[in-house]
Amino acid sequence: MLTGATSDIRFVPAVFSTDDLSAAQLFSRTWDVIYSMEETGAKVIAVIFDGTSVNRKFLTMNSNFGNTKFVHVTMNVASGDSRPLHWKNKGAI
């Protein structure tokens, strides 16, 4: 969900069901959304997800850390300013 820090904007740019989705597919689709958001001027600073196995595998593709209980930070390669991007596992729903 895109939430404005200095405006009232609230927008859901994408929702992916992981029932029939591999971590590699999720990786590609998520980064497509992040790039699209950055191109429109939105500054993506965090991605939050639940604790499904696909999401945990996805996290390891974005981070060198294996413990998904904590926030992990990687460089937001979609941003022009090398801003960090935070990944947060909120636990299984």
N, C-alpha and C. Protein backbone atom coordinates (compact mmCIF):
# COMPACT_ATOMS: atom_id res chain seq x y z
N MET A 1 0.85 -1.17 0.00
CA MET A 1 0.00 0.00 0.00
C MET A 1 0.89 1.23 0.00
N LEU A 2 0.60 2.13 -0.87
CA LEU A 2 1.29 3.41 -0.91
C LEU A 2 0.56 4.36 0.02
N THR A 3 1.28 4.93 0.96
CA THR A 3 0.72 5.89 1.89
C THR A 3 1.57 7.14 1.85
N GLY A 4 0.94 8.27 1.66
CA GLY A 4 1.68 9.53 1.61
C GLY A 4 2.11 10.00 2.98
N ALA A 5 3.36 10.43 3.08
CA ALA A 5 3.88 10.96 4.35
C ALA A 5 3.45 12.41 4.53
N THR A 6 3.29 13.14 3.43
CA THR A 6 2.91 14.55 3.51
C THR A 6 1.60 14.84 2.78
N SER A 7 0.87 13.77 2.44
CA SER A 7 -0.42 13.95 1.77
C SER A 7 -1.38 12.87 2.27
N ASP A 8 -2.62 12.93 1.83
CA ASP A 8 -3.63 11.96 2.23
C ASP A 8 -3.73 10.77 1.27
N ILE A 9 -2.76 10.61 0.38
CA ILE A 9 -2.83 9.54 -0.62
C ILE A 9 -2.75 8.17 0.05
N ARG A 10 -3.60 7.27 -0.42
CA ARG A 10 -3.59 5.87 -0.01
C ARG A 10 -3.96 5.07 -1.26
N PHE A 11 -3.07 4.16 -1.64
CA PHE A 11 -3.24 3.46 -2.89
C PHE A 11 -2.57 2.09 -2.79
N VAL A 12 -3.24 1.04 -3.26
CA VAL A 12 -2.66 -0.29 -3.30
C VAL A 12 -2.18 -0.55 -4.73
N PRO A 13 -0.86 -0.51 -4.96
CA PRO A 13 -0.35 -0.68 -6.32
C PRO A 13 -0.38 -2.12 -6.81
N ALA A 14 -0.32 -3.10 -5.88
CA ALA A 14 -0.31 -4.51 -6.30
C ALA A 14 -0.59 -5.42 -5.12
N VAL A 15 -1.23 -6.55 -5.43
CA VAL A 15 -1.42 -7.63 -4.46
C VAL A 15 -1.13 -8.92 -5.21
N PHE A 16 -0.27 -9.77 -4.65
CA PHE A 16 0.08 -11.03 -5.29
C PHE A 16 -0.28 -12.19 -4.38
N SER A 17 -1.06 -13.12 -4.90
CA SER A 17 -1.31 -14.37 -4.18
C SER A 17 -0.12 -15.28 -4.44
N THR A 18 0.40 -15.90 -3.41
CA THR A 18 1.57 -16.75 -3.58
C THR A 18 1.20 -18.23 -3.72
N ASP A 19 -0.09 -18.54 -3.89
CA ASP A 19 -0.51 -19.93 -4.03
C ASP A 19 0.19 -20.62 -5.20
N ASP A 20 0.23 -19.98 -6.34
CA ASP A 20 0.84 -20.56 -7.54
C ASP A 20 1.97 -19.69 -8.07
N LEU A 21 2.71 -19.08 -7.16
CA LEU A 21 3.76 -18.15 -7.54
C LEU A 21 5.08 -18.59 -6.92
N SER A 22 6.13 -18.63 -7.72
CA SER A 22 7.45 -18.97 -7.17
C SER A 22 8.10 -17.72 -6.61
N ALA A 23 9.12 -17.90 -5.80
CA ALA A 23 9.86 -16.76 -5.25
C ALA A 23 10.48 -15.93 -6.37
N ALA A 24 10.96 -16.58 -7.41
CA ALA A 24 11.55 -15.85 -8.54
C ALA A 24 10.50 -14.99 -9.25
N GLN A 25 9.29 -15.52 -9.42
CA GLN A 25 8.22 -14.74 -10.04
C GLN A 25 7.83 -13.57 -9.15
N LEU A 26 7.75 -13.82 -7.84
CA LEU A 26 7.42 -12.76 -6.90
C LEU A 26 8.50 -11.69 -6.91
N PHE A 27 9.75 -12.09 -6.97
CA PHE A 27 10.88 -11.17 -7.03
C PHE A 27 10.73 -10.24 -8.23
N SER A 28 10.52 -10.82 -9.40
CA SER A 28 10.39 -10.04 -10.64
C SER A 28 9.20 -9.09 -10.59
N ARG A 29 8.06 -9.58 -10.17
CA ARG A 29 6.84 -8.76 -10.13
C ARG A 29 6.95 -7.64 -9.10
N THR A 30 7.51 -7.95 -7.93
CA THR A 30 7.66 -6.93 -6.89
C THR A 30 8.58 -5.82 -7.35
N TRP A 31 9.72 -6.18 -7.95
CA TRP A 31 10.64 -5.14 -8.42
C TRP A 31 10.05 -4.35 -9.59
N ASP A 32 9.21 -4.99 -10.42
CA ASP A 32 8.51 -4.24 -11.48
C ASP A 32 7.63 -3.15 -10.87
N VAL A 33 6.91 -3.50 -9.80
CA VAL A 33 6.05 -2.53 -9.12
C VAL A 33 6.89 -1.43 -8.47
N ILE A 34 7.98 -1.81 -7.82
CA ILE A 34 8.85 -0.80 -7.17
C ILE A 34 9.41 0.15 -8.21
N TYR A 35 9.90 -0.36 -9.34
CA TYR A 35 10.40 0.51 -10.41
C TYR A 35 9.30 1.43 -10.93
N SER A 36 8.09 0.89 -11.14
CA SER A 36 6.98 1.71 -11.63
C SER A 36 6.63 2.81 -10.65
N MET A 37 6.60 2.47 -9.36
CA MET A 37 6.28 3.47 -8.34
C MET A 37 7.34 4.57 -8.31
N GLU A 38 8.59 4.18 -8.36
CA GLU A 38 9.68 5.16 -8.35
C GLU A 38 9.63 6.06 -9.57
N GLU A 39 9.27 5.50 -10.74
CA GLU A 39 9.18 6.29 -11.96
C GLU A 39 8.08 7.34 -11.88
N THR A 40 7.04 7.10 -11.08
CA THR A 40 5.97 8.08 -10.94
C THR A 40 6.28 9.14 -9.89
N GLY A 41 7.43 8.98 -9.20
CA GLY A 41 7.82 9.95 -8.19
C GLY A 41 7.57 9.50 -6.76
N ALA A 42 6.92 8.35 -6.59
CA ALA A 42 6.72 7.81 -5.24
C ALA A 42 8.03 7.22 -4.75
N LYS A 43 8.41 7.52 -3.53
CA LYS A 43 9.65 7.00 -2.96
C LYS A 43 9.32 5.79 -2.10
N VAL A 44 9.65 4.62 -2.61
CA VAL A 44 9.37 3.38 -1.91
C VAL A 44 10.44 3.18 -0.84
N ILE A 45 10.00 3.02 0.40
CA ILE A 45 10.95 2.85 1.50
C ILE A 45 10.80 1.52 2.22
N ALA A 46 9.66 0.83 2.02
CA ALA A 46 9.45 -0.44 2.72
C ALA A 46 8.50 -1.35 1.96
N VAL A 47 8.72 -2.65 2.13
CA VAL A 47 7.82 -3.68 1.61
C VAL A 47 7.52 -4.60 2.79
N ILE A 48 6.24 -4.83 3.06
CA ILE A 48 5.82 -5.65 4.19
C ILE A 48 5.04 -6.84 3.64
N PHE A 49 5.31 -8.01 4.20
CA PHE A 49 4.67 -9.23 3.70
C PHE A 49 4.45 -10.20 4.85
N ASP A 50 3.66 -11.26 4.59
CA ASP A 50 3.43 -12.27 5.63
C ASP A 50 4.52 -13.34 5.55
N GLY A 51 4.41 -14.35 6.38
CA GLY A 51 5.48 -15.32 6.54
C GLY A 51 5.38 -16.59 5.74
N THR A 52 4.70 -16.58 4.60
CA THR A 52 4.62 -17.79 3.79
C THR A 52 6.01 -18.19 3.30
N SER A 53 6.16 -19.45 2.94
CA SER A 53 7.47 -19.93 2.50
C SER A 53 7.95 -19.20 1.24
N VAL A 54 7.04 -18.89 0.33
CA VAL A 54 7.43 -18.16 -0.88
C VAL A 54 7.98 -16.78 -0.51
N ASN A 55 7.32 -16.11 0.44
CA ASN A 55 7.79 -14.79 0.86
C ASN A 55 9.14 -14.87 1.58
N ARG A 56 9.36 -15.94 2.35
CA ARG A 56 10.65 -16.10 3.02
C ARG A 56 11.75 -16.34 2.00
N LYS A 57 11.48 -17.14 0.98
CA LYS A 57 12.46 -17.36 -0.09
C LYS A 57 12.71 -16.06 -0.85
N PHE A 58 11.64 -15.31 -1.08
CA PHE A 58 11.75 -14.00 -1.74
C PHE A 58 12.68 -13.09 -0.94
N LEU A 59 12.54 -13.09 0.38
CA LEU A 59 13.38 -12.25 1.23
C LEU A 59 14.85 -12.62 1.08
N THR A 60 15.14 -13.91 1.03
CA THR A 60 16.54 -14.31 0.90
C THR A 60 17.12 -13.89 -0.45
N MET A 61 16.27 -13.71 -1.45
CA MET A 61 16.74 -13.23 -2.74
C MET A 61 17.12 -11.74 -2.69
N ASN A 62 16.62 -11.04 -1.69
CA ASN A 62 16.86 -9.60 -1.55
C ASN A 62 17.82 -9.27 -0.42
N SER A 63 18.25 -10.27 0.31
CA SER A 63 19.03 -10.01 1.51
C SER A 63 20.03 -11.14 1.75
N ASN A 64 21.08 -10.83 2.45
CA ASN A 64 22.06 -11.84 2.82
C ASN A 64 21.73 -12.47 4.17
N PHE A 65 20.62 -12.07 4.76
CA PHE A 65 20.24 -12.56 6.07
C PHE A 65 19.21 -13.66 5.93
N GLY A 66 19.25 -14.66 6.81
CA GLY A 66 18.31 -15.76 6.75
C GLY A 66 17.19 -15.65 7.76
N ASN A 67 17.34 -14.81 8.77
CA ASN A 67 16.33 -14.69 9.82
C ASN A 67 15.27 -13.69 9.39
N THR A 68 14.08 -14.16 9.06
CA THR A 68 13.03 -13.29 8.53
C THR A 68 12.16 -12.67 9.61
N LYS A 69 12.54 -12.76 10.87
CA LYS A 69 11.75 -12.15 11.93
C LYS A 69 12.06 -10.67 12.09
N PHE A 70 13.10 -10.21 11.47
CA PHE A 70 13.54 -8.84 11.65
C PHE A 70 13.53 -8.09 10.33
N VAL A 71 13.53 -6.79 10.41
CA VAL A 71 13.60 -5.95 9.21
C VAL A 71 14.97 -6.13 8.56
N HIS A 72 14.99 -6.23 7.27
CA HIS A 72 16.24 -6.32 6.51
C HIS A 72 16.29 -5.12 5.58
N VAL A 73 17.46 -4.64 5.36
CA VAL A 73 17.63 -3.46 4.53
C VAL A 73 18.51 -3.80 3.34
N THR A 74 18.07 -3.42 2.16
CA THR A 74 18.87 -3.53 0.95
C THR A 74 18.83 -2.18 0.25
N MET A 75 19.68 -2.01 -0.73
CA MET A 75 19.65 -0.78 -1.50
C MET A 75 18.47 -0.82 -2.47
N ASN A 76 17.74 0.27 -2.54
CA ASN A 76 16.64 0.36 -3.49
C ASN A 76 17.25 0.72 -4.85
N VAL A 77 17.52 -0.30 -5.65
CA VAL A 77 18.17 -0.08 -6.95
C VAL A 77 17.25 0.65 -7.92
N ALA A 78 15.97 0.74 -7.61
CA ALA A 78 15.02 1.44 -8.47
C ALA A 78 15.06 2.95 -8.22
N SER A 79 15.62 3.34 -7.09
CA SER A 79 15.68 4.78 -6.79
C SER A 79 16.94 5.38 -7.40
N GLY A 80 16.89 6.63 -7.70
CA GLY A 80 18.04 7.30 -8.27
C GLY A 80 19.04 7.77 -7.23
N ASP A 81 18.67 7.64 -5.96
CA ASP A 81 19.53 8.18 -4.90
C ASP A 81 20.08 7.11 -3.96
N SER A 82 20.07 5.84 -4.38
CA SER A 82 20.60 4.73 -3.57
C SER A 82 19.97 4.67 -2.18
N ARG A 83 18.71 5.02 -2.09
CA ARG A 83 17.97 5.01 -0.84
C ARG A 83 17.80 3.57 -0.35
N PRO A 84 17.84 3.34 0.96
CA PRO A 84 17.62 1.98 1.46
C PRO A 84 16.15 1.56 1.30
N LEU A 85 15.95 0.27 1.18
CA LEU A 85 14.62 -0.32 1.09
C LEU A 85 14.52 -1.35 2.21
N HIS A 86 13.49 -1.24 3.02
CA HIS A 86 13.33 -2.11 4.19
C HIS A 86 12.33 -3.22 3.86
N TRP A 87 12.69 -4.45 4.19
CA TRP A 87 11.84 -5.61 4.01
C TRP A 87 11.40 -6.07 5.38
N LYS A 88 10.10 -6.27 5.58
CA LYS A 88 9.60 -6.66 6.90
C LYS A 88 8.63 -7.82 6.77
N ASN A 89 8.93 -8.91 7.47
CA ASN A 89 8.04 -10.07 7.56
C ASN A 89 7.14 -9.86 8.77
N LYS A 90 5.85 -9.74 8.55
CA LYS A 90 4.89 -9.52 9.64
C LYS A 90 4.39 -10.85 10.22
N GLY A 91 4.96 -11.97 9.84
CA GLY A 91 4.52 -13.26 10.35
C GLY A 91 3.37 -13.81 9.52
N ALA A 92 3.13 -15.07 9.64
CA ALA A 92 2.07 -15.72 8.86
C ALA A 92 0.70 -15.21 9.29
N ILE A 93 -0.17 -15.03 8.32
CA ILE A 93 -1.53 -14.57 8.60
C ILE A 93 -2.42 -15.76 8.77
